[in-house]
Amino acid sequence: MKITRQEVEHVAHLARLHLEGEELDLMTEQLDMILSYVAKLEELDTEGVEPTTHAFSITNAFREDVVEPSLDQEKALANGPEHNEDSFVVPRVI
C-alpha cells in the first residue's frame, strides 16, 4: 500500500475535507491506485527521451500585422443592444 488511511485523513484535514468511514476508505483505495500507477510509470526507461511541453510539435500561428481600415462607428454601434451618439449604453456600476 502506497498511502495509509492516516495519511489520507491528514491530507483531508489540510484540505478542509470532512471524510468519514466509507468515504475515507474509498479515498484511500483510490489514492493508493493512483500512486501505484505513478510508481509503475517510474519503471519506464526514459533514457534519451527529450522532455516535451506538448504532445504535438506546434509553432506559434502568428500573422503579419497588416494595417486595414477600421470598422466605422455606426456599424460597430449597430451590434449593441443600446447606444447613444458615440458609445454603447451599459448599466451603471458603482
N, C-alpha and C. Protein backbone atom coordinates (compact mmCIF):
# COMPACT_ATOMS: atom_id res chain seq x y z
N MET A 1 0.85 -1.17 0.00
CA MET A 1 0.00 0.00 0.00
C MET A 1 0.90 1.24 0.00
N LYS A 2 0.63 2.17 -0.92
CA LYS A 2 1.44 3.36 -1.08
C LYS A 2 1.05 4.48 -0.12
N ILE A 3 -0.20 4.47 0.36
CA ILE A 3 -0.66 5.53 1.25
C ILE A 3 -1.55 4.91 2.32
N THR A 4 -1.41 5.42 3.52
CA THR A 4 -2.19 4.87 4.63
C THR A 4 -3.44 5.71 4.89
N ARG A 5 -4.33 5.11 5.63
CA ARG A 5 -5.58 5.82 5.97
C ARG A 5 -5.27 7.08 6.79
N GLN A 6 -4.27 6.98 7.66
CA GLN A 6 -3.89 8.14 8.49
C GLN A 6 -3.36 9.28 7.60
N GLU A 7 -2.60 8.94 6.56
CA GLU A 7 -2.10 9.98 5.65
C GLU A 7 -3.25 10.64 4.89
N VAL A 8 -4.22 9.84 4.49
CA VAL A 8 -5.38 10.39 3.79
C VAL A 8 -6.18 11.29 4.74
N GLU A 9 -6.33 10.86 5.98
CA GLU A 9 -7.02 11.70 6.97
C GLU A 9 -6.29 13.03 7.14
N HIS A 10 -4.96 12.97 7.20
CA HIS A 10 -4.16 14.19 7.38
C HIS A 10 -4.33 15.12 6.18
N VAL A 11 -4.24 14.59 4.98
CA VAL A 11 -4.40 15.41 3.77
C VAL A 11 -5.81 15.97 3.69
N ALA A 12 -6.81 15.17 4.04
CA ALA A 12 -8.20 15.64 4.04
C ALA A 12 -8.36 16.79 5.04
N HIS A 13 -7.73 16.66 6.19
CA HIS A 13 -7.79 17.72 7.19
C HIS A 13 -7.16 19.00 6.66
N LEU A 14 -5.99 18.89 6.01
CA LEU A 14 -5.32 20.07 5.45
C LEU A 14 -6.17 20.72 4.36
N ALA A 15 -6.90 19.89 3.61
CA ALA A 15 -7.75 20.41 2.52
C ALA A 15 -9.13 20.82 3.03
N ARG A 16 -9.32 20.75 4.33
CA ARG A 16 -10.60 21.10 4.95
C ARG A 16 -11.75 20.24 4.41
N LEU A 17 -11.45 18.96 4.20
CA LEU A 17 -12.47 18.00 3.75
C LEU A 17 -12.89 17.15 4.94
N HIS A 18 -14.17 16.97 5.08
CA HIS A 18 -14.69 16.15 6.17
C HIS A 18 -15.06 14.78 5.59
N LEU A 19 -14.17 13.83 5.75
CA LEU A 19 -14.41 12.48 5.25
C LEU A 19 -14.61 11.55 6.43
N GLU A 20 -15.57 10.66 6.31
CA GLU A 20 -15.83 9.69 7.38
C GLU A 20 -15.86 8.28 6.82
N GLY A 21 -15.56 7.35 7.64
CA GLY A 21 -15.69 5.92 7.39
C GLY A 21 -15.51 5.45 5.97
N GLU A 22 -16.65 5.19 5.32
CA GLU A 22 -16.65 4.61 3.98
C GLU A 22 -15.98 5.54 2.95
N GLU A 23 -16.23 6.83 3.08
CA GLU A 23 -15.60 7.80 2.17
C GLU A 23 -14.09 7.77 2.32
N LEU A 24 -13.62 7.70 3.55
CA LEU A 24 -12.20 7.67 3.82
C LEU A 24 -11.56 6.40 3.27
N ASP A 25 -12.26 5.27 3.43
CA ASP A 25 -11.75 4.01 2.87
C ASP A 25 -11.68 4.08 1.35
N LEU A 26 -12.73 4.62 0.72
CA LEU A 26 -12.77 4.73 -0.74
C LEU A 26 -11.66 5.66 -1.23
N MET A 27 -11.48 6.80 -0.56
CA MET A 27 -10.44 7.75 -0.97
C MET A 27 -9.06 7.14 -0.81
N THR A 28 -8.85 6.40 0.27
CA THR A 28 -7.56 5.73 0.50
C THR A 28 -7.29 4.74 -0.63
N GLU A 29 -8.30 3.97 -0.99
CA GLU A 29 -8.15 2.98 -2.06
C GLU A 29 -7.85 3.65 -3.40
N GLN A 30 -8.58 4.72 -3.71
CA GLN A 30 -8.39 5.40 -4.99
C GLN A 30 -7.02 6.08 -5.06
N LEU A 31 -6.60 6.74 -4.00
CA LEU A 31 -5.29 7.37 -3.98
C LEU A 31 -4.18 6.34 -4.06
N ASP A 32 -4.37 5.19 -3.42
CA ASP A 32 -3.39 4.12 -3.49
C ASP A 32 -3.24 3.61 -4.93
N MET A 33 -4.37 3.49 -5.65
CA MET A 33 -4.32 3.05 -7.05
C MET A 33 -3.58 4.08 -7.91
N ILE A 34 -3.82 5.35 -7.66
CA ILE A 34 -3.14 6.41 -8.43
C ILE A 34 -1.64 6.37 -8.16
N LEU A 35 -1.26 6.28 -6.90
CA LEU A 35 0.16 6.25 -6.55
C LEU A 35 0.84 4.99 -7.07
N SER A 36 0.13 3.88 -7.09
CA SER A 36 0.69 2.64 -7.65
C SER A 36 0.95 2.79 -9.15
N TYR A 37 0.04 3.45 -9.83
CA TYR A 37 0.21 3.68 -11.27
C TYR A 37 1.41 4.59 -11.53
N VAL A 38 1.56 5.63 -10.72
CA VAL A 38 2.70 6.53 -10.87
C VAL A 38 4.00 5.76 -10.63
N ALA A 39 4.00 4.89 -9.64
CA ALA A 39 5.19 4.08 -9.37
C ALA A 39 5.50 3.17 -10.55
N LYS A 40 4.47 2.66 -11.19
CA LYS A 40 4.68 1.81 -12.36
C LYS A 40 5.29 2.62 -13.50
N LEU A 41 4.85 3.86 -13.67
CA LEU A 41 5.41 4.72 -14.71
C LEU A 41 6.88 5.03 -14.46
N GLU A 42 7.27 5.07 -13.19
CA GLU A 42 8.67 5.33 -12.86
C GLU A 42 9.59 4.20 -13.32
N GLU A 43 9.03 3.03 -13.59
CA GLU A 43 9.83 1.89 -14.05
C GLU A 43 10.24 2.02 -15.52
N LEU A 44 9.57 2.89 -16.26
CA LEU A 44 9.87 3.05 -17.68
C LEU A 44 11.26 3.62 -17.89
N ASP A 45 11.94 3.11 -18.92
CA ASP A 45 13.26 3.63 -19.27
C ASP A 45 13.07 4.87 -20.15
N THR A 46 13.38 6.02 -19.61
CA THR A 46 13.22 7.27 -20.36
C THR A 46 14.58 7.85 -20.76
N GLU A 47 15.61 7.03 -20.71
CA GLU A 47 16.94 7.48 -21.11
C GLU A 47 16.93 7.88 -22.58
N GLY A 48 17.39 9.07 -22.85
CA GLY A 48 17.47 9.54 -24.24
C GLY A 48 16.19 10.15 -24.76
N VAL A 49 15.14 10.19 -23.96
CA VAL A 49 13.89 10.79 -24.38
C VAL A 49 13.92 12.26 -24.00
N GLU A 50 13.78 13.12 -25.00
CA GLU A 50 13.82 14.55 -24.72
C GLU A 50 12.54 14.99 -24.02
N PRO A 51 12.67 15.89 -23.04
CA PRO A 51 11.46 16.42 -22.39
C PRO A 51 10.64 17.23 -23.39
N THR A 52 9.32 17.15 -23.24
CA THR A 52 8.44 17.91 -24.12
C THR A 52 7.45 18.70 -23.28
N THR A 53 6.97 19.78 -23.87
CA THR A 53 5.93 20.56 -23.19
C THR A 53 4.57 20.31 -23.82
N HIS A 54 4.57 19.76 -25.05
CA HIS A 54 3.33 19.47 -25.75
C HIS A 54 3.44 18.08 -26.39
N ALA A 55 2.32 17.43 -26.53
CA ALA A 55 2.31 16.12 -27.17
C ALA A 55 2.61 16.22 -28.66
N PHE A 56 2.24 17.35 -29.25
CA PHE A 56 2.47 17.55 -30.68
C PHE A 56 3.43 18.70 -30.87
N SER A 57 4.22 18.62 -31.90
CA SER A 57 5.12 19.71 -32.23
C SER A 57 4.31 20.84 -32.83
N ILE A 58 4.26 21.96 -32.13
CA ILE A 58 3.48 23.08 -32.64
C ILE A 58 4.34 24.33 -32.71
N THR A 59 3.96 25.22 -33.57
CA THR A 59 4.62 26.51 -33.65
C THR A 59 3.56 27.59 -33.52
N ASN A 60 3.98 28.76 -33.13
CA ASN A 60 3.03 29.85 -32.98
C ASN A 60 2.46 30.23 -34.34
N ALA A 61 1.17 30.47 -34.35
CA ALA A 61 0.49 30.82 -35.59
C ALA A 61 0.34 32.33 -35.68
N PHE A 62 1.46 33.04 -35.60
CA PHE A 62 1.41 34.49 -35.70
C PHE A 62 1.22 34.90 -37.15
N ARG A 63 0.55 35.98 -37.35
CA ARG A 63 0.40 36.52 -38.69
C ARG A 63 1.07 37.88 -38.72
N GLU A 64 1.37 38.31 -39.88
CA GLU A 64 1.96 39.63 -40.03
C GLU A 64 0.92 40.69 -39.71
N ASP A 65 1.35 41.76 -39.08
CA ASP A 65 0.44 42.88 -38.82
C ASP A 65 0.20 43.62 -40.12
N VAL A 66 -1.06 43.76 -40.46
CA VAL A 66 -1.43 44.46 -41.69
C VAL A 66 -2.40 45.57 -41.30
N VAL A 67 -2.10 46.77 -41.74
CA VAL A 67 -2.99 47.89 -41.46
C VAL A 67 -4.19 47.80 -42.38
N GLU A 68 -5.37 47.77 -41.78
CA GLU A 68 -6.60 47.70 -42.54
C GLU A 68 -7.54 48.78 -42.03
N PRO A 69 -8.52 49.16 -42.82
CA PRO A 69 -9.47 50.18 -42.35
C PRO A 69 -10.26 49.67 -41.15
N SER A 70 -10.52 50.56 -40.21
CA SER A 70 -11.29 50.20 -39.02
C SER A 70 -12.77 50.10 -39.36
N LEU A 71 -13.50 49.42 -38.50
CA LEU A 71 -14.95 49.35 -38.63
C LEU A 71 -15.50 50.73 -38.30
N ASP A 72 -16.38 51.24 -39.12
CA ASP A 72 -16.88 52.59 -38.83
C ASP A 72 -17.80 52.54 -37.61
N GLN A 73 -17.90 53.65 -36.92
CA GLN A 73 -18.59 53.74 -35.64
C GLN A 73 -20.05 53.33 -35.75
N GLU A 74 -20.71 53.68 -36.80
CA GLU A 74 -22.12 53.34 -36.97
C GLU A 74 -22.32 51.84 -37.01
N LYS A 75 -21.47 51.12 -37.76
CA LYS A 75 -21.59 49.66 -37.85
C LYS A 75 -21.26 49.00 -36.51
N ALA A 76 -20.24 49.52 -35.84
CA ALA A 76 -19.85 48.95 -34.54
C ALA A 76 -20.98 49.11 -33.53
N LEU A 77 -21.58 50.29 -33.47
CA LEU A 77 -22.65 50.53 -32.51
C LEU A 77 -23.93 49.78 -32.87
N ALA A 78 -24.10 49.39 -34.10
CA ALA A 78 -25.29 48.65 -34.52
C ALA A 78 -25.34 47.27 -33.87
N ASN A 79 -24.20 46.75 -33.40
CA ASN A 79 -24.16 45.42 -32.78
C ASN A 79 -24.57 45.42 -31.32
N GLY A 80 -24.67 46.60 -30.71
CA GLY A 80 -25.01 46.67 -29.29
C GLY A 80 -26.51 46.80 -29.09
N PRO A 81 -27.01 46.39 -27.92
CA PRO A 81 -28.44 46.48 -27.66
C PRO A 81 -28.91 47.93 -27.48
N GLU A 82 -28.01 48.79 -26.96
CA GLU A 82 -28.40 50.18 -26.75
C GLU A 82 -27.16 51.05 -26.89
N HIS A 83 -27.34 52.18 -27.56
CA HIS A 83 -26.21 53.09 -27.73
C HIS A 83 -26.73 54.51 -27.84
N ASN A 84 -25.83 55.46 -27.57
CA ASN A 84 -26.18 56.86 -27.77
C ASN A 84 -25.43 57.33 -29.03
N GLU A 85 -25.15 58.57 -29.15
CA GLU A 85 -24.50 59.09 -30.36
C GLU A 85 -23.15 58.44 -30.67
N ASP A 86 -22.33 58.20 -29.61
CA ASP A 86 -20.97 57.74 -29.91
C ASP A 86 -20.46 56.59 -29.05
N SER A 87 -21.31 55.96 -28.23
CA SER A 87 -20.84 54.84 -27.41
C SER A 87 -21.99 53.93 -27.01
N PHE A 88 -21.62 52.74 -26.52
CA PHE A 88 -22.62 51.81 -26.02
C PHE A 88 -23.15 52.31 -24.69
N VAL A 89 -24.41 52.05 -24.40
CA VAL A 89 -25.01 52.40 -23.13
C VAL A 89 -25.07 51.12 -22.30
N VAL A 90 -24.48 51.15 -21.12
CA VAL A 90 -24.46 49.98 -20.23
C VAL A 90 -25.00 50.39 -18.86
N PRO A 91 -25.46 49.42 -18.07
CA PRO A 91 -25.96 49.75 -16.73
C PRO A 91 -24.83 50.35 -15.88
N ARG A 92 -25.19 51.31 -15.06
CA ARG A 92 -24.21 51.96 -14.19
C ARG A 92 -23.80 50.99 -13.09
N VAL A 93 -22.48 50.89 -12.85
CA VAL A 93 -21.95 50.02 -11.82
C VAL A 93 -21.17 50.89 -10.83
N ILE A 94 -21.55 50.79 -9.58
CA ILE A 94 -20.85 51.59 -8.57
C ILE A 94 -20.21 50.65 -7.58
